[in-house]
Amino acid sequence: MRVRFRVSGWLRLKTPLHVGGIGLDPAEALPVAVDGQGRAHVPGTALAGAFRSWMRGTRTEAGALSDLWGFVAEDDSDPGTVSRVVVHDAVIVTDAREPLDVTALPVRHGVAIDRYTGAVAAGFLYARTVVPPGNLLHLELDIESTAAHRATDRARLAVLLDALGNAEISLGAAASRGLGVVRLEEHGVSVWEHDFTSAAGLIAFLTDNAKRSAADDGKAADLPDRRRFLTVTIEWKPLAPVMVRAGQDGAVVQTLPLMTSLDADTLVFTLSGSSVKGALRTHAEFIERTARGDDLPRPLADEAPVREHEARFRAQLDGYPTVKALFGAARQDNGDKGPFWGSAALAVKDTYSTTKLSAELWRELALGVAEPGQGGESALSAKTLEKLKKAGVFQADHVAIDRWTGGAADGLLYSVLEPAEVRWEPIVLRVDLDRLDLYQDSALALLLLILRDLRGRRIPLGGMVNRGFGDVEVSKITLTGGPWGGQVTLEQALRKSGEQQKAWTAYLEQPQTATEGGEP
């Protein structure tokens, strides 16, 4: 080592983050990673893996960028080498630079929907603890360089920091479902260049007077080709209440919408990326089954073992390569990864409302406020209801009707907090075109059909869609970075999709089993 580049800065969470820790009870939500002092943190291994994956670009083989990230020897003839990049664990702190209280972190719940029954698939309830957006990770990174690598390493570091500043690198689990988006804070970033080749350089390092590294001096970063992405921006508004149900019930209103804390005082309604991605995947399977004339397998008897129900649900998800290329595929129970196992090419970010609620108001909703004349029972105050009305949120009470008496069924009164007139940010989808590989044109044709049906109000979003929720109106869909050149609207992409239409037709003409080997 002749020269060392040292980076110090802050990564701000733009969406919730989950980096898994050690769980003691399999029935509990997946915990976040904590260090020896009980502080939530992102291990250096997780950071290094994300940075290395991004820098490798389209090259996925183990030896890519081995001069920087090292490699493992495959036989005794080559000893291998360690990485020249040292990434330190990043403790997660608040804006006040205080460690998070890991006992008060929110939990994200999720389910899988059986394609035949429309109900929750047996054995597919999951939950993970997440760190809310707005918190900070302390980034500390070193690159140990040599005289031969000095200029190239400086350029590579500049490219990496630029990508972090543009929120191009996600951390942790469920990145394709919107989690783990981070952005490097522009202020507070320090890049130092420690020169150990002279006495003056050593003294400057020991006295903390080392010079800041110069900006990229024009030297090529010598990185593999960058991955190509298609970004889809969907501008929309709800025609009916749109919400994902929160994992916990309220004290007064039982069904509450999923909320995300932007800071200590502000919350926003959240349409989770996993919810949107699930709705789009279900519709993608519906399109392909319709085009092929395939039927779903009928449900098993209730007394069948849970493992058989799980295997049947996985069978519903298998068999369509374009769907799995777009939305990902899980490893089978027998350990077989299969040709399409792995992360999805399509990533969906969490969508937040532009309507905001105060943390104080939300605590009232969760805990309830006793109203005079109600025997001490918890109820929302008139003042609270008025605040909710101004935000476009309403309490709706529902009851089940007894089929014999025609009256309200005993014990089946429930209430829902409905975000009926809430305004939302655009939904953003991101497709890794290189990951689609040989199925790029047929998968993009399927994506265009999904977007066309979403614009046609055929895909409801969120929960309780069979009870009148989830109806949305799309005003504009914009596609950027695809094969149609520059930025185009959905209508323009459909008119220019001749190659995709041909690929889709040829794909459908093949027997389903013939596509399992990876060749379209």
Protein backbone atom coordinates (compact mmCIF):
# COMPACT_ATOMS: atom_id res chain seq x y z
CA MET A 1 0.00 0.00 0.00
CA ARG A 2 1.43 3.33 -1.10
CA VAL A 3 -1.70 5.48 -1.01
CA ARG A 4 -5.00 5.17 0.88
CA PHE A 5 -8.25 6.86 -0.05
CA ARG A 6 -10.52 7.31 2.97
CA VAL A 7 -14.20 8.28 2.73
CA SER A 8 -16.38 9.49 5.57
CA GLY A 9 -19.99 10.54 5.10
CA TRP A 10 -23.65 9.87 5.80
CA LEU A 11 -26.15 7.74 3.88
CA ARG A 12 -29.75 8.79 4.41
CA LEU A 13 -32.51 6.18 4.15
CA LYS A 14 -35.07 7.15 1.50
CA THR A 15 -37.19 4.03 2.10
CA PRO A 16 -37.35 1.51 4.98
CA LEU A 17 -34.32 -0.76 5.41
CA HIS A 18 -34.00 -4.35 6.56
CA VAL A 19 -30.66 -6.04 7.12
CA GLY A 20 -31.39 -9.28 8.92
CA GLY A 21 -30.03 -10.18 12.31
CA ILE A 22 -30.20 -13.29 14.48
CA GLY A 23 -33.75 -14.31 15.35
CA LEU A 24 -34.38 -16.26 18.55
CA ASP A 25 -38.01 -17.15 17.84
CA PRO A 26 -39.08 -18.27 14.35
CA ALA A 27 -42.62 -17.12 15.12
CA GLU A 28 -41.47 -13.51 15.59
CA ALA A 29 -40.74 -10.94 12.89
CA LEU A 30 -37.27 -11.09 11.34
CA PRO A 31 -35.09 -8.78 13.45
CA VAL A 32 -32.61 -6.19 12.20
CA ALA A 33 -28.88 -6.66 12.67
CA VAL A 34 -27.40 -5.20 15.85
CA ASP A 35 -23.79 -4.85 16.94
CA GLY A 36 -22.23 -5.88 20.26
CA GLN A 37 -23.63 -2.77 21.94
CA GLY A 38 -27.18 -3.49 20.79
CA ARG A 39 -27.19 -0.73 18.15
CA ALA A 40 -28.91 -1.21 14.80
CA HIS A 41 -26.27 -1.29 12.10
CA VAL A 42 -25.46 -2.44 8.58
CA PRO A 43 -22.47 -4.80 8.59
CA GLY A 44 -19.55 -3.90 6.39
CA THR A 45 -20.10 -7.16 4.50
CA ALA A 46 -23.57 -6.02 3.42
CA LEU A 47 -22.25 -2.63 2.29
CA ALA A 48 -19.29 -4.16 0.47
CA GLY A 49 -21.52 -6.68 -1.31
CA ALA A 50 -23.85 -3.97 -2.58
CA PHE A 51 -20.98 -1.72 -3.71
CA ARG A 52 -19.13 -4.57 -5.42
CA SER A 53 -22.27 -5.76 -7.22
CA TRP A 54 -22.95 -2.26 -8.56
CA MET A 55 -19.35 -1.71 -9.68
CA ARG A 56 -19.30 -5.04 -11.53
CA GLY A 57 -22.15 -3.87 -13.75
CA THR A 58 -23.02 -6.43 -16.40
CA ARG A 59 -20.21 -8.80 -15.33
CA THR A 60 -21.45 -11.29 -12.75
CA GLU A 61 -18.59 -13.79 -12.69
CA ALA A 62 -16.62 -14.12 -9.45
CA GLY A 63 -13.39 -12.76 -10.92
CA ALA A 64 -14.79 -9.45 -12.14
CA LEU A 65 -12.80 -6.46 -10.80
CA SER A 66 -10.53 -8.87 -8.94
CA ASP A 67 -7.73 -6.27 -8.94
CA LEU A 68 -9.89 -4.15 -6.62
CA TRP A 69 -12.25 -6.52 -4.79
CA GLY A 70 -10.00 -9.59 -4.68
CA PHE A 71 -10.91 -13.14 -5.57
CA VAL A 72 -10.98 -16.63 -4.10
CA ALA A 73 -8.58 -19.21 -5.49
CA GLU A 74 -10.21 -22.12 -7.31
CA ASP A 75 -7.18 -24.39 -6.99
CA ASP A 76 -3.75 -24.52 -5.37
CA SER A 77 -2.04 -23.01 -8.41
CA ASP A 78 -3.37 -19.53 -7.61
CA PRO A 79 -3.37 -18.25 -4.03
CA GLY A 80 -6.03 -15.59 -4.68
CA THR A 81 -5.95 -12.15 -3.08
CA VAL A 82 -7.89 -10.12 -0.54
CA SER A 83 -9.92 -7.04 -1.37
CA ARG A 84 -8.21 -3.66 -1.38
CA VAL A 85 -11.52 -2.07 -0.30
CA VAL A 86 -12.14 -1.92 3.46
CA VAL A 87 -15.76 -1.14 4.40
CA HIS A 88 -16.56 -0.55 8.05
CA ASP A 89 -19.80 -1.41 9.83
CA ALA A 90 -22.29 1.46 9.60
CA VAL A 91 -24.20 2.30 12.77
CA ILE A 92 -27.71 3.64 12.11
CA VAL A 93 -28.53 6.86 13.93
CA THR A 94 -31.20 9.55 14.00
CA ASP A 95 -30.79 13.08 12.70
CA ALA A 96 -29.59 13.97 16.17
CA ARG A 97 -26.81 11.37 15.74
CA GLU A 98 -28.34 9.26 18.49
CA PRO A 99 -28.59 5.44 18.15
CA LEU A 100 -32.03 4.07 17.30
CA ASP A 101 -34.22 2.35 19.85
CA VAL A 102 -34.36 -1.12 18.28
CA THR A 103 -37.27 -2.12 20.54
CA ALA A 104 -39.54 0.48 18.91
CA LEU A 105 -38.90 -0.25 15.23
CA PRO A 106 -41.95 -0.91 13.04
CA VAL A 107 -42.77 -4.28 11.49
CA ARG A 108 -43.76 -4.87 7.87
CA HIS A 109 -46.12 -7.80 7.31
CA GLY A 110 -46.74 -9.56 4.03
CA VAL A 111 -48.73 -12.45 2.61
CA ALA A 112 -48.92 -14.35 -0.66
CA ILE A 113 -52.28 -14.57 -2.43
CA ASP A 114 -53.49 -17.90 -3.79
CA ARG A 115 -54.33 -17.40 -7.47
CA TYR A 116 -57.35 -19.74 -7.33
CA THR A 117 -59.07 -18.80 -4.09
CA GLY A 118 -57.97 -15.16 -3.90
CA ALA A 119 -57.26 -15.71 -0.18
CA VAL A 120 -53.97 -15.92 1.68
CA ALA A 121 -51.87 -18.88 0.54
CA ALA A 122 -51.24 -21.42 3.30
CA GLY A 123 -47.86 -21.00 4.98
CA PHE A 124 -46.98 -17.68 3.33
CA LEU A 125 -47.29 -15.10 6.09
CA TYR A 126 -44.04 -13.26 6.77
CA ALA A 127 -42.90 -10.24 8.75
CA ARG A 128 -39.68 -8.27 9.03
CA THR A 129 -38.60 -5.43 11.29
CA VAL A 130 -37.55 -2.35 9.33
CA VAL A 131 -35.66 0.85 10.03
CA PRO A 132 -37.85 3.82 8.98
CA PRO A 133 -36.67 6.25 6.28
CA GLY A 134 -35.03 9.51 7.28
CA ASN A 135 -32.43 7.87 9.53
CA LEU A 136 -28.72 7.93 8.76
CA LEU A 137 -25.91 5.40 8.25
CA HIS A 138 -22.35 6.47 8.97
CA LEU A 139 -20.30 5.46 5.92
CA GLU A 140 -16.58 4.76 6.38
CA LEU A 141 -14.67 3.27 3.46
CA ASP A 142 -10.99 2.87 2.57
CA ILE A 143 -9.32 1.93 -0.70
CA GLU A 144 -5.74 0.76 -0.25
CA SER A 145 -3.97 1.69 -3.48
CA THR A 146 -0.61 1.40 -5.18
CA ALA A 147 1.29 3.64 -7.54
CA ALA A 148 -0.04 1.66 -10.50
CA HIS A 149 -3.68 1.81 -9.35
CA ARG A 150 -3.74 5.30 -7.84
CA ALA A 151 -5.37 7.23 -10.68
CA THR A 152 -7.79 4.41 -11.59
CA ASP A 153 -8.85 3.93 -7.96
CA ARG A 154 -9.48 7.67 -7.60
CA ALA A 155 -11.74 7.57 -10.67
CA ARG A 156 -13.56 4.44 -9.49
CA LEU A 157 -14.19 5.99 -6.09
CA ALA A 158 -15.61 9.13 -7.74
CA VAL A 159 -18.01 7.02 -9.81
CA LEU A 160 -19.12 5.03 -6.75
CA LEU A 161 -19.79 8.16 -4.69
CA ASP A 162 -21.70 9.68 -7.60
CA ALA A 163 -23.91 6.57 -7.76
CA LEU A 164 -24.58 6.78 -4.02
CA GLY A 165 -25.43 10.46 -4.39
CA ASN A 166 -27.97 9.56 -7.09
CA ALA A 167 -29.57 6.79 -4.96
CA GLU A 168 -28.61 4.10 -7.50
CA ILE A 169 -27.47 1.53 -4.93
CA SER A 170 -29.89 -0.25 -2.57
CA LEU A 171 -28.93 -2.03 0.64
CA GLY A 172 -30.30 -5.00 2.51
CA ALA A 173 -33.19 -7.34 1.80
CA ALA A 174 -36.24 -6.92 -0.44
CA ALA A 175 -34.62 -4.29 -2.65
CA SER A 176 -36.98 -5.21 -5.52
CA ARG A 177 -39.91 -4.48 -3.18
CA GLY A 178 -38.79 -0.94 -2.48
CA LEU A 179 -36.67 -1.37 0.63
CA GLY A 180 -33.12 -0.16 1.19
CA VAL A 181 -32.92 2.93 -1.05
CA VAL A 182 -30.18 5.23 0.30
CA ARG A 183 -28.70 8.53 -0.83
CA LEU A 184 -25.31 9.96 0.10
CA GLU A 185 -25.71 13.31 1.84
CA GLU A 186 -24.01 16.01 -0.20
CA HIS A 187 -22.85 17.90 2.85
CA GLY A 188 -20.52 16.22 5.28
CA VAL A 189 -18.72 13.99 2.77
CA SER A 190 -14.95 13.89 3.23
CA VAL A 191 -12.54 12.11 0.90
CA TRP A 192 -8.93 12.05 2.05
CA GLU A 193 -5.84 10.88 0.18
CA HIS A 194 -3.15 9.54 2.51
CA ASP A 195 0.25 9.40 0.79
CA PHE A 196 2.65 7.01 2.56
CA THR A 197 5.49 7.36 0.05
CA SER A 198 7.26 10.24 1.81
CA ALA A 199 8.02 11.55 5.26
CA ALA A 200 5.87 14.62 4.57
CA GLY A 201 2.93 12.40 3.69
CA LEU A 202 3.33 10.30 6.85
CA ILE A 203 3.57 13.39 9.07
CA ALA A 204 0.49 14.89 7.40
CA PHE A 205 -1.44 11.68 8.11
CA LEU A 206 -0.30 11.47 11.74
CA THR A 207 -1.20 15.12 12.39
CA ASP A 208 -4.58 14.93 10.60
CA ASN A 209 -3.36 17.34 7.93
CA ALA A 210 -3.65 14.98 4.97
CA LYS A 211 -4.98 16.64 1.85
CA ARG A 212 -8.47 16.09 0.56
CA SER A 213 -8.58 13.92 -2.52
CA ALA A 214 -8.94 15.82 -5.75
CA ALA A 215 -12.06 15.34 -7.80
CA ASP A 216 -12.00 12.90 -10.69
CA ASP A 217 -9.12 14.11 -12.83
CA GLY A 218 -10.44 12.62 -16.06
CA LYS A 219 -8.80 9.21 -15.66
CA ALA A 220 -11.06 6.39 -16.89
CA ALA A 221 -12.59 4.36 -14.07
CA ASP A 222 -12.06 1.16 -16.06
CA LEU A 223 -15.34 -0.39 -14.90
CA PRO A 224 -17.35 -3.05 -16.75
CA ASP A 225 -20.30 -1.89 -18.85
CA ARG A 226 -23.06 -0.36 -16.74
CA ARG A 227 -26.37 -2.18 -16.44
CA ARG A 228 -29.21 -0.78 -18.53
CA PHE A 229 -32.46 0.17 -16.80
CA LEU A 230 -35.97 1.05 -17.87
CA THR A 231 -37.76 3.44 -15.49
CA VAL A 232 -41.56 3.59 -15.55
CA THR A 233 -43.29 6.53 -13.87
CA ILE A 234 -47.04 6.18 -13.29
CA GLU A 235 -49.02 9.29 -12.40
CA TRP A 236 -52.33 8.33 -10.80
CA LYS A 237 -55.05 9.21 -8.36
CA PRO A 238 -57.41 7.03 -6.30
CA LEU A 239 -61.09 6.78 -7.28
CA ALA A 240 -61.78 4.79 -4.13
CA PRO A 241 -59.84 4.36 -0.88
CA VAL A 242 -56.39 2.88 -1.57
CA MET A 243 -54.54 1.44 1.39
CA VAL A 244 -52.36 -1.38 2.63
CA ARG A 245 -53.48 -2.59 6.01
CA ALA A 246 -51.14 -1.98 8.93
CA GLY A 247 -49.95 -4.99 10.90
CA GLN A 248 -51.48 -3.77 14.18
CA ASP A 249 -55.08 -2.84 14.99
CA GLY A 250 -55.95 0.52 16.52
CA ALA A 251 -57.63 0.96 19.88
CA VAL A 252 -60.75 2.54 18.34
CA VAL A 253 -60.51 2.01 14.61
CA GLN A 254 -59.57 -1.63 14.14
CA THR A 255 -58.23 -1.45 10.56
CA LEU A 256 -55.58 1.22 10.07
CA PRO A 257 -53.63 2.02 6.88
CA LEU A 258 -49.92 1.39 6.66
CA MET A 259 -47.98 4.52 7.60
CA THR A 260 -44.30 5.44 7.36
CA SER A 261 -42.52 7.89 9.66
CA LEU A 262 -40.58 10.48 7.69
CA ASP A 263 -39.31 12.02 10.92
CA ALA A 264 -40.27 12.23 14.56
CA ASP A 265 -43.24 14.50 13.83
CA THR A 266 -44.56 13.46 10.40
CA LEU A 267 -46.11 10.32 8.92
CA VAL A 268 -47.35 9.53 5.41
CA PHE A 269 -49.68 6.89 4.00
CA THR A 270 -47.76 4.10 2.29
CA LEU A 271 -48.54 1.88 -0.67
CA SER A 272 -45.79 -0.68 -0.20
CA GLY A 273 -43.67 -1.82 -3.11
CA SER A 274 -44.43 -5.46 -2.24
CA SER A 275 -48.17 -4.79 -2.53
CA VAL A 276 -47.89 -3.13 -5.95
CA LYS A 277 -45.45 -5.76 -7.19
CA GLY A 278 -47.77 -8.55 -6.03
CA ALA A 279 -50.75 -7.04 -7.85
CA LEU A 280 -48.73 -6.64 -11.06
CA ARG A 281 -47.36 -10.19 -10.86
CA THR A 282 -50.79 -11.71 -10.33
CA HIS A 283 -52.08 -9.85 -13.38
CA ALA A 284 -49.02 -10.88 -15.42
CA GLU A 285 -49.78 -14.55 -14.68
CA PHE A 286 -53.44 -13.93 -15.55
CA ILE A 287 -52.44 -12.50 -18.94
CA GLU A 288 -50.15 -15.40 -19.81
CA ARG A 289 -52.58 -18.06 -18.60
CA THR A 290 -55.30 -16.44 -20.70
CA ALA A 291 -53.06 -16.28 -23.77
CA ARG A 292 -52.03 -19.93 -23.38
CA GLY A 293 -55.47 -21.20 -22.37
CA ASP A 294 -54.09 -22.73 -19.16
CA ASP A 295 -56.22 -23.52 -16.12
CA LEU A 296 -55.14 -23.20 -12.52
CA PRO A 297 -54.92 -26.41 -10.47
CA ARG A 298 -57.96 -26.83 -8.26
CA PRO A 299 -57.45 -26.32 -4.52
CA LEU A 300 -56.58 -29.21 -2.24
CA ALA A 301 -58.85 -30.46 0.49
CA ASP A 302 -58.61 -28.47 3.72
CA GLU A 303 -57.30 -31.50 5.61
CA ALA A 304 -54.29 -31.84 3.27
CA PRO A 305 -50.91 -31.17 4.98
CA VAL A 306 -49.71 -27.58 4.93
CA ARG A 307 -46.60 -28.61 3.00
CA GLU A 308 -48.80 -29.86 0.14
CA HIS A 309 -50.69 -26.55 0.10
CA GLU A 310 -47.36 -24.69 -0.05
CA ALA A 311 -46.11 -26.89 -2.92
CA ARG A 312 -49.35 -26.30 -4.81
CA PHE A 313 -49.01 -22.53 -4.44
CA ARG A 314 -45.41 -22.63 -5.67
CA ALA A 315 -46.62 -24.61 -8.67
CA GLN A 316 -48.94 -21.69 -9.48
CA LEU A 317 -45.91 -19.39 -9.66
CA ASP A 318 -43.74 -21.70 -11.79
CA GLY A 319 -43.79 -22.44 -15.48
CA TYR A 320 -43.83 -18.99 -17.07
CA PRO A 321 -40.28 -17.80 -17.78
CA THR A 322 -41.19 -14.19 -18.67
CA VAL A 323 -43.12 -13.78 -15.42
CA LYS A 324 -40.25 -15.22 -13.38
CA ALA A 325 -37.67 -13.16 -15.27
CA LEU A 326 -39.61 -9.98 -14.46
CA PHE A 327 -40.77 -10.75 -10.93
CA GLY A 328 -38.20 -13.24 -9.61
CA ALA A 329 -38.47 -16.85 -8.44
CA ALA A 330 -37.87 -18.60 -5.15
CA ARG A 331 -35.70 -21.66 -4.71
CA GLN A 332 -37.63 -24.92 -4.54
CA ASP A 333 -37.99 -27.02 -1.39
CA ASN A 334 -35.54 -29.61 -2.73
CA GLY A 335 -32.83 -26.96 -3.00
CA ASP A 336 -33.03 -26.76 -6.80
CA LYS A 337 -32.42 -23.15 -7.78
CA GLY A 338 -33.72 -23.62 -11.30
CA PRO A 339 -32.84 -21.51 -14.35
CA PHE A 340 -34.73 -18.42 -13.15
CA TRP A 341 -34.02 -18.52 -9.43
CA GLY A 342 -33.06 -15.21 -7.92
CA SER A 343 -33.96 -11.57 -7.61
CA ALA A 344 -36.49 -9.89 -9.86
CA ALA A 345 -35.61 -7.70 -12.82
CA LEU A 346 -38.56 -5.48 -11.85
CA ALA A 347 -38.24 -3.37 -8.70
CA VAL A 348 -41.10 -1.32 -7.25
CA LYS A 349 -40.44 1.47 -4.78
CA ASP A 350 -42.73 2.29 -1.88
CA THR A 351 -45.21 4.98 -2.89
CA TYR A 352 -45.94 7.67 -0.31
CA SER A 353 -48.81 10.10 -0.02
CA THR A 354 -48.19 13.80 -0.38
CA THR A 355 -50.81 14.15 2.36
CA LYS A 356 -49.10 14.09 5.75
CA LEU A 357 -50.33 13.40 9.28
CA SER A 358 -48.75 14.56 12.50
CA ALA A 359 -47.33 11.97 14.88
CA GLU A 360 -49.59 13.36 17.62
CA LEU A 361 -52.70 12.76 15.52
CA TRP A 362 -51.56 9.25 14.71
CA ARG A 363 -51.07 8.45 18.39
CA GLU A 364 -54.66 9.53 18.97
CA LEU A 365 -55.78 7.09 16.29
CA ALA A 366 -53.76 4.24 17.74
CA LEU A 367 -54.67 4.83 21.39
CA GLY A 368 -58.10 6.46 21.21
CA VAL A 369 -59.44 9.42 23.19
CA ALA A 370 -62.19 9.04 25.78
CA GLU A 371 -65.24 11.15 24.96
CA PRO A 372 -67.63 12.40 27.73
CA GLY A 373 -70.92 10.56 27.93
CA GLN A 374 -69.62 7.32 26.48
CA GLY A 375 -69.01 5.49 29.72
CA GLY A 376 -65.26 5.91 29.42
CA GLU A 377 -65.09 3.92 26.20
CA SER A 378 -62.36 4.94 23.79
CA ALA A 379 -63.56 6.92 20.80
CA LEU A 380 -62.15 9.41 18.36
CA SER A 381 -62.89 12.95 19.43
CA ALA A 382 -64.79 15.34 17.20
CA LYS A 383 -61.62 17.41 16.89
CA THR A 384 -59.68 14.36 15.69
CA LEU A 385 -62.37 13.47 13.16
CA GLU A 386 -62.29 17.02 11.80
CA LYS A 387 -58.50 16.89 11.37
CA LEU A 388 -58.83 13.60 9.51
CA LYS A 389 -61.55 14.99 7.29
CA LYS A 390 -59.32 17.90 6.25
CA ALA A 391 -56.65 15.34 5.30
CA GLY A 392 -59.13 13.33 3.22
CA VAL A 393 -59.37 10.44 5.71
CA PHE A 394 -62.65 9.11 7.12
CA GLN A 395 -63.72 6.57 9.71
CA ALA A 396 -66.13 4.02 8.20
CA ASP A 397 -68.05 1.54 10.36
CA HIS A 398 -69.10 -1.83 8.94
CA VAL A 399 -71.19 -4.67 10.26
CA ALA A 400 -71.98 -8.21 9.13
CA ILE A 401 -75.66 -9.06 8.67
CA ASP A 402 -77.11 -12.15 10.30
CA ARG A 403 -78.69 -14.23 7.54
CA TRP A 404 -81.59 -15.37 9.76
CA THR A 405 -82.60 -12.25 11.65
CA GLY A 406 -81.59 -9.69 9.04
CA GLY A 407 -80.05 -7.65 11.82
CA ALA A 408 -76.46 -6.96 12.81
CA ALA A 409 -74.53 -10.11 13.65
CA ASP A 410 -73.38 -10.21 17.26
CA GLY A 411 -69.75 -9.17 17.74
CA LEU A 412 -69.09 -8.44 14.05
CA LEU A 413 -69.01 -4.64 14.07
CA TYR A 414 -65.69 -3.28 12.83
CA SER A 415 -64.32 0.01 11.56
CA VAL A 416 -61.82 1.08 8.92
CA LEU A 417 -59.86 4.29 8.60
CA GLU A 418 -60.26 4.98 4.88
CA PRO A 419 -57.84 7.32 3.04
CA ALA A 420 -60.50 8.24 0.47
CA GLU A 421 -59.24 11.63 -0.73
CA VAL A 422 -55.51 11.35 -0.10
CA ARG A 423 -53.07 12.58 -2.74
CA TRP A 424 -50.19 10.32 -3.78
CA GLU A 425 -46.77 10.51 -5.38
CA PRO A 426 -46.26 8.71 -8.72
CA ILE A 427 -45.60 4.97 -8.67
CA VAL A 428 -42.06 4.21 -9.90
CA LEU A 429 -41.00 0.89 -11.45
CA ARG A 430 -37.41 0.06 -12.43
CA VAL A 431 -36.54 -2.82 -14.78
CA ASP A 432 -33.02 -4.23 -15.10
CA LEU A 433 -32.92 -4.92 -18.84
CA ASP A 434 -29.69 -6.91 -18.65
CA ARG A 435 -31.18 -9.31 -16.12
CA LEU A 436 -33.98 -10.18 -18.55
CA ASP A 437 -31.31 -11.53 -20.91
CA LEU A 438 -32.83 -13.62 -23.74
CA TYR A 439 -36.37 -12.84 -22.59
CA GLN A 440 -35.98 -9.09 -22.81
CA ASP A 441 -38.39 -8.45 -25.72
CA SER A 442 -41.07 -10.91 -24.59
CA ALA A 443 -40.87 -9.68 -20.98
CA LEU A 444 -41.16 -6.04 -22.10
CA ALA A 445 -44.19 -6.99 -24.22
CA LEU A 446 -45.78 -8.50 -21.10
CA LEU A 447 -44.91 -5.36 -19.11
CA LEU A 448 -46.60 -3.16 -21.74
CA LEU A 449 -49.75 -5.30 -21.50
CA ILE A 450 -49.71 -4.92 -17.69
CA LEU A 451 -49.33 -1.14 -17.95
CA ARG A 452 -52.09 -0.97 -20.57
CA ASP A 453 -54.46 -2.85 -18.23
CA LEU A 454 -53.45 -0.68 -15.27
CA ARG A 455 -54.31 2.40 -17.32
CA GLY A 456 -57.59 0.69 -18.27
CA ARG A 457 -58.55 0.34 -14.57
CA ARG A 458 -58.32 -3.45 -14.66
CA ILE A 459 -55.78 -3.76 -11.83
CA PRO A 460 -56.84 -2.61 -8.35
CA LEU A 461 -54.07 -1.70 -5.91
CA GLY A 462 -53.74 -2.20 -2.18
CA GLY A 463 -55.90 -4.29 0.11
CA MET A 464 -59.63 -5.07 0.41
CA VAL A 465 -60.08 -4.75 -3.35
CA ASN A 466 -63.14 -7.05 -3.24
CA ARG A 467 -64.85 -4.55 -0.93
CA GLY A 468 -64.66 -1.54 -3.23
CA PHE A 469 -61.11 -0.43 -2.40
CA GLY A 470 -58.17 -0.02 -4.76
CA ASP A 471 -59.79 1.53 -7.86
CA VAL A 472 -57.27 3.92 -9.43
CA GLU A 473 -57.19 6.23 -12.43
CA VAL A 474 -53.91 6.58 -14.31
CA SER A 475 -53.38 9.95 -15.98
CA LYS A 476 -49.96 9.34 -17.55
CA ILE A 477 -47.35 6.59 -17.90
CA THR A 478 -43.81 7.54 -18.94
CA LEU A 479 -41.05 5.08 -19.87
CA THR A 480 -37.40 6.20 -19.80
CA GLY A 481 -34.35 4.25 -20.91
CA GLY A 482 -35.98 1.41 -22.82
CA PRO A 483 -35.46 0.19 -26.40
CA TRP A 484 -37.85 2.83 -27.75
CA GLY A 485 -35.35 5.65 -27.39
CA GLY A 486 -35.24 8.40 -24.77
CA GLN A 487 -38.43 9.13 -22.87
CA VAL A 488 -41.74 7.96 -24.34
CA THR A 489 -45.33 7.68 -23.18
CA LEU A 490 -47.06 4.32 -22.94
CA GLU A 491 -49.00 5.09 -26.14
CA GLN A 492 -45.77 5.78 -28.04
CA ALA A 493 -44.12 2.63 -26.67
CA LEU A 494 -47.12 0.52 -27.75
CA ARG A 495 -46.90 1.95 -31.27
CA LYS A 496 -43.15 1.24 -31.43
CA SER A 497 -43.33 -2.25 -29.93
CA GLY A 498 -43.14 -4.27 -33.16
CA GLU A 499 -40.10 -6.28 -32.05
CA GLN A 500 -41.65 -6.95 -28.66
CA GLN A 501 -44.92 -8.11 -30.25
CA LYS A 502 -43.07 -10.57 -32.51
CA ALA A 503 -41.07 -11.91 -29.56
CA TRP A 504 -44.23 -12.29 -27.46
CA THR A 505 -46.04 -14.17 -30.23
CA ALA A 506 -43.08 -16.49 -30.80
CA TYR A 507 -42.78 -17.07 -27.05
CA LEU A 508 -46.45 -18.06 -26.73
CA GLU A 509 -46.18 -20.49 -29.64
CA GLN A 510 -43.63 -22.55 -27.71
CA PRO A 511 -44.77 -25.31 -25.37
CA GLN A 512 -44.56 -24.19 -21.77
CA THR A 513 -42.16 -26.97 -20.77
CA ALA A 514 -39.81 -26.11 -23.63
CA THR A 515 -39.10 -22.69 -22.11
CA GLU A 516 -37.87 -24.04 -18.77
CA GLY A 517 -34.32 -24.59 -19.98
CA GLY A 518 -33.59 -20.91 -20.55
CA GLU A 519 -33.74 -20.77 -24.37
CA PRO A 520 -36.69 -18.76 -25.72
